[in-house]
Amino acid sequence: MTTTEPRTGRHTLPATAGAARAQVRDLLHTTGRAPPPRTVTDDILLVVSELVTNAYRHGGGLTGFTAHLTGGALIVRATDASPVIPRTRTDSHPTAPGGFGWPLIQKLSRQVTVIPLRAGKTVQVVLDTTDRQA
C-alpha cells in the first residue's frame, strides 16, 4: 500500500532517490492543503533521498516505499532487503566521502524507527510538515 500518488491511487516503487523525492513532492503539493514552507520541504526531501539511497547502496535494494500525511506530519517508510540495522559510522574522517546520511535522517526527523523483518527491515521516519521555528 502506498499513498504517494493521491490522484491515481496507483504507485510504483521508486527506482531512484530522485523518483522518491518526486513522489513525496507531489504528495505534499496535491493534498488540497497548503504545502509546507520551502525549508521544511527541503528537509523532508533530503531525508527521503537519504532513506532511498541508503536502501539501494547499503540495504540490498529498495523493496518497499510508502509516504502518507497525517495531521502535521509526514510518515515515510523505506523497506530494504538487508537485516543490518543502520548505524552512524565512527571510522569516518571529516573529509572522507559518505557516512553523513544516517545522522542527517536522525537529526531532521521527529522520530526514527527501525522495524526488523524476516527478510530485511523497514526504516520509518516521522517528519514535521510545519515550520519548526514557528
Protein backbone atom coordinates (compact mmCIF):
# COMPACT_ATOMS: atom_id res chain seq x y z
CA MET A 1 0.00 0.00 0.00
CA THR A 2 1.26 3.44 -0.83
CA THR A 3 -0.28 6.84 -0.70
CA THR A 4 2.28 8.87 -2.56
CA GLU A 5 0.16 9.36 -5.70
CA PRO A 6 -3.15 10.73 -4.43
CA ARG A 7 -4.58 11.49 -7.88
CA THR A 8 -4.48 7.95 -9.22
CA GLY A 9 -4.08 5.83 -6.12
CA ARG A 10 -1.54 3.76 -8.10
CA HIS A 11 2.07 3.53 -7.05
CA THR A 12 5.30 2.14 -8.38
CA LEU A 13 8.42 1.51 -6.34
CA PRO A 14 10.79 4.43 -6.96
CA ALA A 15 13.83 3.28 -8.92
CA THR A 16 15.96 6.19 -7.69
CA ALA A 17 16.14 8.69 -4.86
CA GLY A 18 15.02 11.34 -7.37
CA ALA A 19 11.87 9.36 -8.19
CA ALA A 20 11.08 9.00 -4.47
CA ARG A 21 11.56 12.75 -3.98
CA ALA A 22 9.20 13.43 -6.89
CA GLN A 23 6.52 11.18 -5.39
CA VAL A 24 6.78 12.87 -1.99
CA ARG A 25 6.90 16.36 -3.52
CA ASP A 26 3.73 15.50 -5.46
CA LEU A 27 2.06 14.26 -2.27
CA LEU A 28 2.96 17.45 -0.39
CA HIS A 29 1.57 19.67 -3.17
CA THR A 30 -1.59 17.81 -4.18
CA THR A 31 -3.42 17.24 -0.91
CA GLY A 32 -5.68 20.26 -1.04
CA ARG A 33 -3.86 21.99 1.78
CA ALA A 34 -1.02 24.46 1.72
CA PRO A 35 2.35 22.77 1.16
CA PRO A 36 4.98 23.01 3.89
CA PRO A 37 7.33 26.00 3.88
CA ARG A 38 10.25 25.59 1.47
CA THR A 39 12.83 24.97 4.21
CA VAL A 40 10.66 22.20 5.67
CA THR A 41 10.07 20.70 2.23
CA ASP A 42 13.82 20.77 1.57
CA ASP A 43 14.48 18.88 4.83
CA ILE A 44 11.77 16.31 4.01
CA LEU A 45 13.17 15.71 0.53
CA LEU A 46 16.71 15.36 1.91
CA VAL A 47 15.54 12.66 4.33
CA VAL A 48 13.66 10.84 1.56
CA SER A 49 16.80 10.94 -0.61
CA GLU A 50 18.96 9.54 2.16
CA LEU A 51 16.49 6.77 3.04
CA VAL A 52 16.22 5.56 -0.54
CA THR A 53 19.92 5.99 -1.30
CA ASN A 54 20.83 4.01 1.82
CA ALA A 55 18.40 1.23 0.85
CA TYR A 56 19.97 0.91 -2.59
CA ARG A 57 23.58 1.43 -1.51
CA HIS A 58 23.69 -0.49 1.78
CA GLY A 59 20.44 -2.43 2.08
CA GLY A 60 20.44 -4.75 -0.90
CA GLY A 61 17.83 -2.68 -2.74
CA LEU A 62 14.58 -0.89 -2.00
CA THR A 63 11.74 -3.40 -1.63
CA GLY A 64 9.02 -1.11 -0.32
CA PHE A 65 8.27 2.59 -0.07
CA THR A 66 5.30 4.46 1.37
CA ALA A 67 4.58 8.04 2.33
CA HIS A 68 1.43 9.49 3.82
CA LEU A 69 0.33 12.65 5.56
CA THR A 70 -1.31 12.60 8.94
CA GLY A 71 -2.04 15.79 10.85
CA GLY A 72 1.09 17.95 10.84
CA ALA A 73 3.39 15.09 9.92
CA LEU A 74 4.58 13.01 7.01
CA ILE A 75 5.31 9.34 7.69
CA VAL A 76 7.77 7.72 5.28
CA ARG A 77 8.66 4.04 5.27
CA ALA A 78 11.55 2.61 3.25
CA THR A 79 11.98 -1.15 3.26
CA ASP A 80 15.12 -2.90 2.04
CA ALA A 81 16.48 -6.43 1.78
CA SER A 82 19.16 -6.22 4.48
CA PRO A 83 18.57 -7.13 8.13
CA VAL A 84 21.54 -4.94 9.17
CA ILE A 85 20.39 -2.08 11.39
CA PRO A 86 21.71 1.34 10.28
CA ARG A 87 24.37 2.88 12.45
CA THR A 88 26.45 6.02 12.50
CA ARG A 89 29.90 5.41 11.10
CA THR A 90 32.62 6.01 13.64
CA ASP A 91 35.51 5.43 11.24
CA SER A 92 34.75 8.46 9.06
CA HIS A 93 37.18 11.25 8.59
CA PRO A 94 35.51 14.66 8.01
CA THR A 95 36.97 14.84 4.50
CA ALA A 96 36.14 11.22 3.56
CA PRO A 97 33.09 10.64 1.36
CA GLY A 98 29.95 9.13 2.85
CA GLY A 99 28.77 8.45 6.37
CA PHE A 100 26.54 11.51 6.72
CA GLY A 101 23.14 10.15 5.64
CA TRP A 102 22.07 8.27 8.76
CA PRO A 103 22.96 11.15 11.13
CA LEU A 104 21.03 13.55 8.84
CA ILE A 105 17.98 11.30 8.89
CA GLN A 106 18.09 11.19 12.68
CA LYS A 107 18.62 14.94 13.05
CA LEU A 108 15.87 16.05 10.66
CA SER A 109 13.20 13.53 11.71
CA ARG A 110 10.87 13.86 14.67
CA GLN A 111 11.05 10.10 15.14
CA VAL A 112 13.04 7.26 13.54
CA THR A 113 12.07 3.62 13.98
CA VAL A 114 13.82 0.58 12.53
CA ILE A 115 11.48 -2.40 12.17
CA PRO A 116 13.24 -5.75 11.66
CA LEU A 117 11.56 -8.04 9.13
CA ARG A 118 12.00 -11.68 8.17
CA ALA A 119 13.86 -10.58 5.05
CA GLY A 120 15.24 -7.11 5.67
CA LYS A 121 13.99 -4.12 7.60
CA THR A 122 11.79 -1.05 7.34
CA VAL A 123 13.04 2.36 8.40
CA GLN A 124 10.12 4.57 9.34
CA VAL A 125 10.53 8.29 9.89
CA VAL A 126 8.06 10.88 11.09
CA LEU A 127 8.75 14.33 9.67
CA ASP A 128 7.16 17.63 10.66
CA THR A 129 5.31 19.40 7.85
CA THR A 130 5.05 22.69 9.67
CA ASP A 131 7.76 25.24 10.30
CA ARG A 132 9.69 24.19 13.41
CA GLN A 133 10.72 27.81 14.03
CA ALA A 134 7.14 28.99 14.45
